[in-house]
């Protein structure tokens, strides 16, 4: 029996696996290769869409279904096929139209399997798409086809707080709202989160909660940390995320994933 047989590691990307330059360090890659080479099962859990994940996944020994769009999508990286989708219903365009009318400065991005549709851009939206390096088009909200799995609102934090109050007042309990970045507010299906995604993947690969390890840095990672048997946060994580973790490790600029695997190696 290999050292990490029956062990699952789920890792957030931005702010955790990726450093501040949006790169994966050699140290993290080598640690993950050691982990999977000794029987470990590794997956990514991120708010990114498939294209933005695949830019990095080829550098990594991913050997399990990937959790994308904060749990709204689980897909098989080997076949590039969706395995599970948690999408909004058709009324989501009415919600987005109301936001566009109420907040003229708000950026509104629709995420589907095909790509990102920007219904109204902001400077934050432009920078966002450049960072995640995914294709996007500007379009009228009524022309979007396909399942919308996530709406990302982009703007300064104060504007996003107002938008959040607007949504909660008009649609109480209908959506899951999560700040995945200081300048992003995501509108998701109420059952879409990384915690549910992690549980789904664990069942797919036959691994129990006690043998699940997870690490993440932002608010959208908290459900995943609660769902894992062993939870970690990098030193750069939000204070609330650190509270949800069992252990705080090195920052994303100091090879946080290497730290997690070194801990696993020592305590397994």
C-alpha atoms as a PDB file:
ATOM      1  CA  UNK A   1       0.000   0.000   0.000  1.00  0.00           C
ATOM      2  CA  UNK A   2       1.284   3.437  -0.952  1.00  0.00           C
ATOM      3  CA  UNK A   3       1.527   6.218   1.599  1.00  0.00           C
ATOM      4  CA  UNK A   4      -1.380   8.354   0.324  1.00  0.00           C
ATOM      5  CA  UNK A   5      -3.726   5.673  -0.994  1.00  0.00           C
ATOM      6  CA  UNK A   6      -7.322   6.648  -0.215  1.00  0.00           C
ATOM      7  CA  UNK A   7      -6.453  10.305   0.486  1.00  0.00           C
ATOM      8  CA  UNK A   8      -8.016  13.248  -1.383  1.00  0.00           C
ATOM      9  CA  UNK A   9      -6.520  16.752  -1.522  1.00  0.00           C
ATOM     10  CA  UNK A  10      -8.696  19.613  -2.850  1.00  0.00           C
ATOM     11  CA  UNK A  11      -6.989  22.920  -3.535  1.00  0.00           C
ATOM     12  CA  UNK A  12      -8.256  26.394  -4.367  1.00  0.00           C
ATOM     13  CA  UNK A  13      -6.402  28.176  -7.189  1.00  0.00           C
ATOM     14  CA  UNK A  14      -6.207  31.983  -6.898  1.00  0.00           C
ATOM     15  CA  UNK A  15      -4.583  33.080  -3.671  1.00  0.00           C
ATOM     16  CA  UNK A  16      -3.722  29.497  -2.724  1.00  0.00           C
ATOM     17  CA  UNK A  17      -2.162  27.322  -5.418  1.00  0.00           C
ATOM     18  CA  UNK A  18      -1.235  30.341  -7.559  1.00  0.00           C
ATOM     19  CA  UNK A  19       1.170  32.937  -6.236  1.00  0.00           C
ATOM     20  CA  UNK A  20       0.705  36.699  -6.548  1.00  0.00           C
ATOM     21  CA  UNK A  21       2.041  36.571 -10.111  1.00  0.00           C
ATOM     22  CA  UNK A  22      -0.667  33.996 -10.974  1.00  0.00           C
ATOM     23  CA  UNK A  23       1.922  31.265 -11.385  1.00  0.00           C
ATOM     24  CA  UNK A  24       2.372  27.798  -9.869  1.00  0.00           C
ATOM     25  CA  UNK A  25       5.703  27.427  -8.136  1.00  0.00           C
ATOM     26  CA  UNK A  26       8.033  24.560  -8.957  1.00  0.00           C
ATOM     27  CA  UNK A  27       7.979  23.636  -5.264  1.00  0.00           C
ATOM     28  CA  UNK A  28       4.189  23.204  -5.307  1.00  0.00           C
ATOM     29  CA  UNK A  29       4.283  21.127  -8.495  1.00  0.00           C
ATOM     30  CA  UNK A  30       6.975  18.827  -7.107  1.00  0.00           C
ATOM     31  CA  UNK A  31       5.038  18.369  -3.868  1.00  0.00           C
ATOM     32  CA  UNK A  32       1.872  17.456  -5.772  1.00  0.00           C
ATOM     33  CA  UNK A  33       3.780  15.002  -7.953  1.00  0.00           C
ATOM     34  CA  UNK A  34       5.137  13.372  -4.798  1.00  0.00           C
ATOM     35  CA  UNK A  35       1.619  13.202  -3.340  1.00  0.00           C
ATOM     36  CA  UNK A  36      -0.044  11.666  -6.404  1.00  0.00           C
ATOM     37  CA  UNK A  37       2.986   9.459  -7.118  1.00  0.00           C
ATOM     38  CA  UNK A  38       2.415   7.880  -3.731  1.00  0.00           C
ATOM     39  CA  UNK A  39      -1.259   7.168  -4.318  1.00  0.00           C
ATOM     40  CA  UNK A  40      -2.891  10.520  -3.489  1.00  0.00           C
ATOM     41  CA  UNK A  41      -5.941  11.849  -5.326  1.00  0.00           C
ATOM     42  CA  UNK A  42      -5.686  15.526  -6.261  1.00  0.00           C
ATOM     43  CA  UNK A  43      -8.323  17.943  -7.511  1.00  0.00           C
ATOM     44  CA  UNK A  44      -8.756  21.675  -7.993  1.00  0.00           C
ATOM     45  CA  UNK A  45     -11.700  23.600  -6.508  1.00  0.00           C
ATOM     46  CA  UNK A  46     -12.070  27.080  -7.946  1.00  0.00           C
ATOM     47  CA  UNK A  47     -14.420  29.818  -9.041  1.00  0.00           C
ATOM     48  CA  UNK A  48     -12.823  29.768 -12.483  1.00  0.00           C
ATOM     49  CA  UNK A  49     -14.441  28.299 -15.569  1.00  0.00           C
ATOM     50  CA  UNK A  50     -13.009  25.335 -17.454  1.00  0.00           C
ATOM     51  CA  UNK A  51     -10.842  27.280 -19.902  1.00  0.00           C
ATOM     52  CA  UNK A  52      -9.220  29.275 -17.110  1.00  0.00           C
ATOM     53  CA  UNK A  53      -8.489  26.082 -15.173  1.00  0.00           C
ATOM     54  CA  UNK A  54      -7.055  24.190 -18.131  1.00  0.00           C
ATOM     55  CA  UNK A  55      -4.412  26.872 -18.654  1.00  0.00           C
ATOM     56  CA  UNK A  56      -2.817  25.556 -15.458  1.00  0.00           C
ATOM     57  CA  UNK A  57      -4.125  22.004 -15.078  1.00  0.00           C
ATOM     58  CA  UNK A  58      -1.715  20.647 -17.682  1.00  0.00           C
ATOM     59  CA  UNK A  59       1.138  21.579 -15.328  1.00  0.00           C
ATOM     60  CA  UNK A  60      -0.403  19.557 -12.506  1.00  0.00           C
ATOM     61  CA  UNK A  61      -0.984  15.873 -11.708  1.00  0.00           C
ATOM     62  CA  UNK A  62      -4.771  16.261 -11.447  1.00  0.00           C
ATOM     63  CA  UNK A  63      -6.296  12.770 -11.231  1.00  0.00           C
ATOM     64  CA  UNK A  64      -9.892  13.418 -10.126  1.00  0.00           C
ATOM     65  CA  UNK A  65     -12.913  15.389 -11.365  1.00  0.00           C
ATOM     66  CA  UNK A  66     -12.438  19.146 -11.008  1.00  0.00           C
ATOM     67  CA  UNK A  67     -14.736  21.512  -9.094  1.00  0.00           C
ATOM     68  CA  UNK A  68     -15.310  24.661 -11.184  1.00  0.00           C
ATOM     69  CA  UNK A  69     -17.421  27.812 -10.876  1.00  0.00           C
ATOM     70  CA  UNK A  70     -17.502  27.447  -7.091  1.00  0.00           C
ATOM     71  CA  UNK A  71     -19.287  24.111  -7.223  1.00  0.00           C
ATOM     72  CA  UNK A  72     -21.791  24.907  -9.966  1.00  0.00           C
ATOM     73  CA  UNK A  73     -19.851  22.623 -12.326  1.00  0.00           C
ATOM     74  CA  UNK A  74     -17.882  19.403 -11.887  1.00  0.00           C
ATOM     75  CA  UNK A  75     -16.102  18.123 -14.960  1.00  0.00           C
ATOM     76  CA  UNK A  76     -13.761  15.363 -16.037  1.00  0.00           C
ATOM     77  CA  UNK A  77     -10.399  16.830 -17.123  1.00  0.00           C
ATOM     78  CA  UNK A  78      -9.571  13.660 -19.092  1.00  0.00           C
ATOM     79  CA  UNK A  79     -12.601  13.901 -21.377  1.00  0.00           C
ATOM     80  CA  UNK A  80     -13.242  17.639 -20.883  1.00  0.00           C
ATOM     81  CA  UNK A  81     -16.881  16.728 -20.274  1.00  0.00           C
ATOM     82  CA  UNK A  82     -19.258  18.034 -17.573  1.00  0.00           C
ATOM     83  CA  UNK A  83     -20.265  15.486 -14.948  1.00  0.00           C
ATOM     84  CA  UNK A  84     -22.552  17.691 -12.829  1.00  0.00           C
ATOM     85  CA  UNK A  85     -24.147  21.106 -13.410  1.00  0.00           C
ATOM     86  CA  UNK A  86     -26.000  23.297 -10.921  1.00  0.00           C
ATOM     87  CA  UNK A  87     -27.376  26.105 -13.098  1.00  0.00           C
ATOM     88  CA  UNK A  88     -29.745  29.036 -12.588  1.00  0.00           C
ATOM     89  CA  UNK A  89     -33.265  28.839 -13.972  1.00  0.00           C
ATOM     90  CA  UNK A  90     -34.512  30.998 -16.828  1.00  0.00           C
ATOM     91  CA  UNK A  91     -35.535  33.879 -14.573  1.00  0.00           C
ATOM     92  CA  UNK A  92     -31.924  34.814 -13.891  1.00  0.00           C
ATOM     93  CA  UNK A  93     -31.918  37.203 -16.864  1.00  0.00           C
ATOM     94  CA  UNK A  94     -34.665  39.238 -15.181  1.00  0.00           C
ATOM     95  CA  UNK A  95     -32.580  39.450 -12.014  1.00  0.00           C
ATOM     96  CA  UNK A  96     -29.536  40.603 -13.969  1.00  0.00           C
ATOM     97  CA  UNK A  97     -31.589  43.149 -15.934  1.00  0.00           C
ATOM     98  CA  UNK A  98     -32.821  44.654 -12.679  1.00  0.00           C
ATOM     99  CA  UNK A  99     -29.256  44.954 -11.392  1.00  0.00           C
ATOM    100  CA  UNK A 100     -28.090  46.612 -14.589  1.00  0.00           C
ATOM    101  CA  UNK A 101     -30.883  49.167 -14.324  1.00  0.00           C
ATOM    102  CA  UNK A 102     -30.410  49.815 -10.607  1.00  0.00           C
ATOM    103  CA  UNK A 103     -26.586  50.073 -10.652  1.00  0.00           C
ATOM    104  CA  UNK A 104     -25.262  51.809 -13.794  1.00  0.00           C
ATOM    105  CA  UNK A 105     -21.630  51.326 -12.750  1.00  0.00           C
ATOM    106  CA  UNK A 106     -21.910  47.597 -12.051  1.00  0.00           C
ATOM    107  CA  UNK A 107     -20.105  45.073 -14.245  1.00  0.00           C
ATOM    108  CA  UNK A 108     -22.223  41.972 -15.005  1.00  0.00           C
ATOM    109  CA  UNK A 109     -20.635  38.741 -16.297  1.00  0.00           C
ATOM    110  CA  UNK A 110     -22.547  35.557 -17.218  1.00  0.00           C
ATOM    111  CA  UNK A 111     -20.606  32.270 -16.994  1.00  0.00           C
ATOM    112  CA  UNK A 112     -21.749  29.351 -19.171  1.00  0.00           C
ATOM    113  CA  UNK A 113     -20.037  26.244 -20.518  1.00  0.00           C
ATOM    114  CA  UNK A 114     -19.211  28.187 -23.686  1.00  0.00           C
ATOM    115  CA  UNK A 115     -17.489  31.136 -22.053  1.00  0.00           C
ATOM    116  CA  UNK A 116     -18.042  34.487 -20.387  1.00  0.00           C
ATOM    117  CA  UNK A 117     -20.678  36.878 -21.662  1.00  0.00           C
ATOM    118  CA  UNK A 118     -20.228  40.429 -20.431  1.00  0.00           C
ATOM    119  CA  UNK A 119     -23.602  42.158 -20.381  1.00  0.00           C
ATOM    120  CA  UNK A 120     -22.048  45.333 -19.115  1.00  0.00           C
ATOM    121  CA  UNK A 121     -18.375  45.811 -18.525  1.00  0.00           C
ATOM    122  CA  UNK A 122     -16.402  47.651 -15.896  1.00  0.00           C
ATOM    123  CA  UNK A 123     -12.698  48.258 -15.529  1.00  0.00           C
ATOM    124  CA  UNK A 124     -12.700  45.453 -12.990  1.00  0.00           C
ATOM    125  CA  UNK A 125     -14.277  43.130 -15.585  1.00  0.00           C
ATOM    126  CA  UNK A 126     -11.583  43.947 -18.111  1.00  0.00           C
ATOM    127  CA  UNK A 127      -8.778  43.266 -15.651  1.00  0.00           C
ATOM    128  CA  UNK A 128     -10.541  40.115 -14.444  1.00  0.00           C
ATOM    129  CA  UNK A 129     -10.731  38.599 -17.928  1.00  0.00           C
ATOM    130  CA  UNK A 130      -7.102  39.466 -18.631  1.00  0.00           C
ATOM    131  CA  UNK A 131      -5.986  37.763 -15.419  1.00  0.00           C
ATOM    132  CA  UNK A 132      -7.951  34.543 -15.896  1.00  0.00           C
ATOM    133  CA  UNK A 133      -7.133  34.484 -19.639  1.00  0.00           C
ATOM    134  CA  UNK A 134     -10.496  33.250 -20.862  1.00  0.00           C
ATOM    135  CA  UNK A 135     -12.445  34.170 -24.008  1.00  0.00           C
ATOM    136  CA  UNK A 136     -15.319  36.593 -23.525  1.00  0.00           C
ATOM    137  CA  UNK A 137     -17.791  38.547 -25.614  1.00  0.00           C
ATOM    138  CA  UNK A 138     -19.893  41.631 -24.993  1.00  0.00           C
ATOM    139  CA  UNK A 139     -23.538  40.914 -25.624  1.00  0.00           C
ATOM    140  CA  UNK A 140     -27.100  41.895 -24.814  1.00  0.00           C
ATOM    141  CA  UNK A 141     -28.415  39.940 -21.868  1.00  0.00           C
ATOM    142  CA  UNK A 142     -31.399  38.583 -23.836  1.00  0.00           C
ATOM    143  CA  UNK A 143     -29.206  36.931 -26.460  1.00  0.00           C
ATOM    144  CA  UNK A 144     -27.323  34.622 -24.092  1.00  0.00           C
ATOM    145  CA  UNK A 145     -27.935  30.930 -24.717  1.00  0.00           C
ATOM    146  CA  UNK A 146     -27.017  27.915 -22.627  1.00  0.00           C
ATOM    147  CA  UNK A 147     -27.075  27.269 -18.899  1.00  0.00           C
ATOM    148  CA  UNK A 148     -25.883  30.150 -16.741  1.00  0.00           C
ATOM    149  CA  UNK A 149     -24.016  28.642 -13.821  1.00  0.00           C
ATOM    150  CA  UNK A 150     -22.702  31.858 -12.319  1.00  0.00           C
ATOM    151  CA  UNK A 151     -23.173  35.607 -12.543  1.00  0.00           C
ATOM    152  CA  UNK A 152     -20.171  37.618 -11.433  1.00  0.00           C
ATOM    153  CA  UNK A 153     -20.742  41.238 -10.427  1.00  0.00           C
ATOM    154  CA  UNK A 154     -17.641  43.422 -10.592  1.00  0.00           C
ATOM    155  CA  UNK A 155     -17.034  46.821  -9.037  1.00  0.00           C
ATOM    156  CA  UNK A 156     -15.646  48.564  -5.968  1.00  0.00           C
ATOM    157  CA  UNK A 157     -16.546  46.886  -2.643  1.00  0.00           C
ATOM    158  CA  UNK A 158     -19.032  49.584  -1.618  1.00  0.00           C
ATOM    159  CA  UNK A 159     -21.046  49.150  -4.797  1.00  0.00           C
ATOM    160  CA  UNK A 160     -21.036  45.367  -4.382  1.00  0.00           C
ATOM    161  CA  UNK A 161     -22.351  45.707  -0.833  1.00  0.00           C
ATOM    162  CA  UNK A 162     -25.257  47.789  -2.143  1.00  0.00           C
ATOM    163  CA  UNK A 163     -25.949  45.224  -4.865  1.00  0.00           C
ATOM    164  CA  UNK A 164     -25.924  42.445  -2.262  1.00  0.00           C
ATOM    165  CA  UNK A 165     -28.497  44.293  -0.141  1.00  0.00           C
ATOM    166  CA  UNK A 166     -30.616  44.843  -3.260  1.00  0.00           C
ATOM    167  CA  UNK A 167     -30.614  41.117  -4.115  1.00  0.00           C
ATOM    168  CA  UNK A 168     -31.314  39.986  -0.552  1.00  0.00           C
ATOM    169  CA  UNK A 169     -34.226  42.410  -0.237  1.00  0.00           C
ATOM    170  CA  UNK A 170     -35.889  41.358  -3.509  1.00  0.00           C
ATOM    171  CA  UNK A 171     -34.964  37.669  -3.626  1.00  0.00           C
ATOM    172  CA  UNK A 172     -34.518  36.517  -0.022  1.00  0.00           C
ATOM    173  CA  UNK A 173     -33.018  33.044   0.152  1.00  0.00           C
ATOM    174  CA  UNK A 174     -33.238  32.468  -3.611  1.00  0.00           C
ATOM    175  CA  UNK A 175     -29.516  32.678  -4.400  1.00  0.00           C
ATOM    176  CA  UNK A 176     -26.180  31.983  -2.818  1.00  0.00           C
ATOM    177  CA  UNK A 177     -24.150  35.189  -2.775  1.00  0.00           C
ATOM    178  CA  UNK A 178     -20.425  34.977  -2.183  1.00  0.00           C
ATOM    179  CA  UNK A 179     -17.556  37.460  -2.278  1.00  0.00           C
ATOM    180  CA  UNK A 180     -14.845  35.491  -4.076  1.00  0.00           C
ATOM    181  CA  UNK A 181     -12.632  38.597  -4.205  1.00  0.00           C
ATOM    182  CA  UNK A 182     -12.852  42.123  -2.831  1.00  0.00           C
ATOM    183  CA  UNK A 183     -14.093  43.272  -6.242  1.00  0.00           C
ATOM    184  CA  UNK A 184     -16.316  40.288  -7.128  1.00  0.00           C
ATOM    185  CA  UNK A 185     -19.774  39.298  -5.903  1.00  0.00           C
ATOM    186  CA  UNK A 186     -21.016  36.007  -7.313  1.00  0.00           C
ATOM    187  CA  UNK A 187     -24.640  34.968  -7.726  1.00  0.00           C
ATOM    188  CA  UNK A 188     -24.944  31.184  -7.607  1.00  0.00           C
ATOM    189  CA  UNK A 189     -27.620  28.528  -7.340  1.00  0.00           C
ATOM    190  CA  UNK A 190     -28.393  28.125  -3.611  1.00  0.00           C
ATOM    191  CA  UNK A 191     -26.914  24.613  -3.636  1.00  0.00           C
ATOM    192  CA  UNK A 192     -23.755  25.535  -5.538  1.00  0.00           C
ATOM    193  CA  UNK A 193     -20.689  25.772  -3.326  1.00  0.00           C
ATOM    194  CA  UNK A 194     -17.296  24.134  -3.044  1.00  0.00           C
ATOM    195  CA  UNK A 195     -18.402  22.120  -0.040  1.00  0.00           C
ATOM    196  CA  UNK A 196     -21.132  20.337  -1.998  1.00  0.00           C
ATOM    197  CA  UNK A 197     -18.716  19.995  -4.898  1.00  0.00           C
ATOM    198  CA  UNK A 198     -16.073  18.403  -2.691  1.00  0.00           C
ATOM    199  CA  UNK A 199     -18.594  15.941  -1.254  1.00  0.00           C
ATOM    200  CA  UNK A 200     -19.706  14.997  -4.781  1.00  0.00           C
ATOM    201  CA  UNK A 201     -16.142  14.421  -5.979  1.00  0.00           C
ATOM    202  CA  UNK A 202     -15.284  12.430  -2.853  1.00  0.00           C
ATOM    203  CA  UNK A 203     -18.205  10.097  -3.561  1.00  0.00           C
ATOM    204  CA  UNK A 204     -17.105   9.753  -7.183  1.00  0.00           C
ATOM    205  CA  UNK A 205     -13.628   8.612  -6.163  1.00  0.00           C
ATOM    206  CA  UNK A 206     -14.758   6.650  -3.108  1.00  0.00           C
ATOM    207  CA  UNK A 207     -12.992   8.599  -0.359  1.00  0.00           C
ATOM    208  CA  UNK A 208     -14.481   9.256   3.078  1.00  0.00           C
ATOM    209  CA  UNK A 209     -14.523  12.649   4.806  1.00  0.00           C
ATOM    210  CA  UNK A 210     -11.882  11.630   7.334  1.00  0.00           C
ATOM    211  CA  UNK A 211      -9.375  11.266   4.503  1.00  0.00           C
ATOM    212  CA  UNK A 212     -10.193  14.540   2.734  1.00  0.00           C
ATOM    213  CA  UNK A 213      -7.759  17.466   2.963  1.00  0.00           C
ATOM    214  CA  UNK A 214      -8.634  20.924   1.632  1.00  0.00           C
ATOM    215  CA  UNK A 215      -7.010  24.346   1.448  1.00  0.00           C
ATOM    216  CA  UNK A 216      -8.370  27.748   0.431  1.00  0.00           C
ATOM    217  CA  UNK A 217      -7.973  31.433   1.186  1.00  0.00           C
ATOM    218  CA  UNK A 218     -11.255  33.290   0.567  1.00  0.00           C
ATOM    219  CA  UNK A 219     -14.898  33.309   1.636  1.00  0.00           C
ATOM    220  CA  UNK A 220     -15.935  30.979  -1.187  1.00  0.00           C
ATOM    221  CA  UNK A 221     -13.675  28.303   0.337  1.00  0.00           C
ATOM    222  CA  UNK A 222     -15.267  28.151   3.781  1.00  0.00           C
ATOM    223  CA  UNK A 223     -17.872  25.462   2.955  1.00  0.00           C
ATOM    224  CA  UNK A 224     -15.115  23.338   1.431  1.00  0.00           C
ATOM    225  CA  UNK A 225     -12.983  23.644   4.564  1.00  0.00           C
ATOM    226  CA  UNK A 226     -15.945  22.709   6.735  1.00  0.00           C
ATOM    227  CA  UNK A 227     -16.610  19.688   4.516  1.00  0.00           C
ATOM    228  CA  UNK A 228     -13.070  18.333   4.721  1.00  0.00           C
ATOM    229  CA  UNK A 229     -11.687  16.089   7.423  1.00  0.00           C
ATOM    230  CA  UNK A 230      -8.564  18.279   7.562  1.00  0.00           C
ATOM    231  CA  UNK A 231      -8.745  21.996   6.663  1.00  0.00           C
ATOM    232  CA  UNK A 232      -5.884  24.373   5.882  1.00  0.00           C
ATOM    233  CA  UNK A 233      -5.573  28.050   5.028  1.00  0.00           C
ATOM    234  CA  UNK A 234      -2.555  29.895   3.627  1.00  0.00           C
ATOM    235  CA  UNK A 235      -1.119  32.730   5.702  1.00  0.00           C
ATOM    236  CA  UNK A 236      -2.607  35.276   3.263  1.00  0.00           C
ATOM    237  CA  UNK A 237      -6.174  34.000   3.818  1.00  0.00           C
ATOM    238  CA  UNK A 238      -9.037  36.121   5.123  1.00  0.00           C
ATOM    239  CA  UNK A 239      -9.343  36.034   8.946  1.00  0.00           C
ATOM    240  CA  UNK A 240     -12.713  34.225   8.767  1.00  0.00           C
ATOM    241  CA  UNK A 241     -11.157  31.561   6.546  1.00  0.00           C
ATOM    242  CA  UNK A 242      -8.291  31.036   8.973  1.00  0.00           C
ATOM    243  CA  UNK A 243     -10.859  30.455  11.709  1.00  0.00           C
ATOM    244  CA  UNK A 244     -12.455  27.726   9.589  1.00  0.00           C
ATOM    245  CA  UNK A 245      -9.107  25.960   9.148  1.00  0.00           C
ATOM    246  CA  UNK A 246      -7.426  23.466  11.435  1.00  0.00           C
ATOM    247  CA  UNK A 247      -3.996  24.802  10.514  1.00  0.00           C
ATOM    248  CA  UNK A 248      -2.580  27.911   8.853  1.00  0.00           C
ATOM    249  CA  UNK A 249       0.376  27.177   6.584  1.00  0.00           C
ATOM    250  CA  UNK A 250       2.743  29.295   4.473  1.00  0.00           C
ATOM    251  CA  UNK A 251       1.333  31.991   2.188  1.00  0.00           C
ATOM    252  CA  UNK A 252       0.574  31.449  -1.492  1.00  0.00           C
ATOM    253  CA  UNK A 253       3.883  33.173  -2.269  1.00  0.00           C
ATOM    254  CA  UNK A 254       5.757  30.745  -0.017  1.00  0.00           C
ATOM    255  CA  UNK A 255       4.530  27.426  -1.476  1.00  0.00           C
ATOM    256  CA  UNK A 256       1.447  26.787   0.669  1.00  0.00           C
ATOM    257  CA  UNK A 257       0.674  23.481  -1.042  1.00  0.00           C
ATOM    258  CA  UNK A 258       4.159  22.173  -0.335  1.00  0.00           C
ATOM    259  CA  UNK A 259       3.523  22.957   3.327  1.00  0.00           C
ATOM    260  CA  UNK A 260       0.238  21.044   3.358  1.00  0.00           C
ATOM    261  CA  UNK A 261       1.761  17.964   1.749  1.00  0.00           C
ATOM    262  CA  UNK A 262       4.739  18.090   4.112  1.00  0.00           C
ATOM    263  CA  UNK A 263       2.253  18.086   7.003  1.00  0.00           C
ATOM    264  CA  UNK A 264       0.385  15.147   5.480  1.00  0.00           C
ATOM    265  CA  UNK A 265       3.653  13.300   4.939  1.00  0.00           C
ATOM    266  CA  UNK A 266       4.658  13.770   8.559  1.00  0.00           C
ATOM    267  CA  UNK A 267       1.306  12.855  10.090  1.00  0.00           C
ATOM    268  CA  UNK A 268       0.153  10.013   7.839  1.00  0.00           C
END
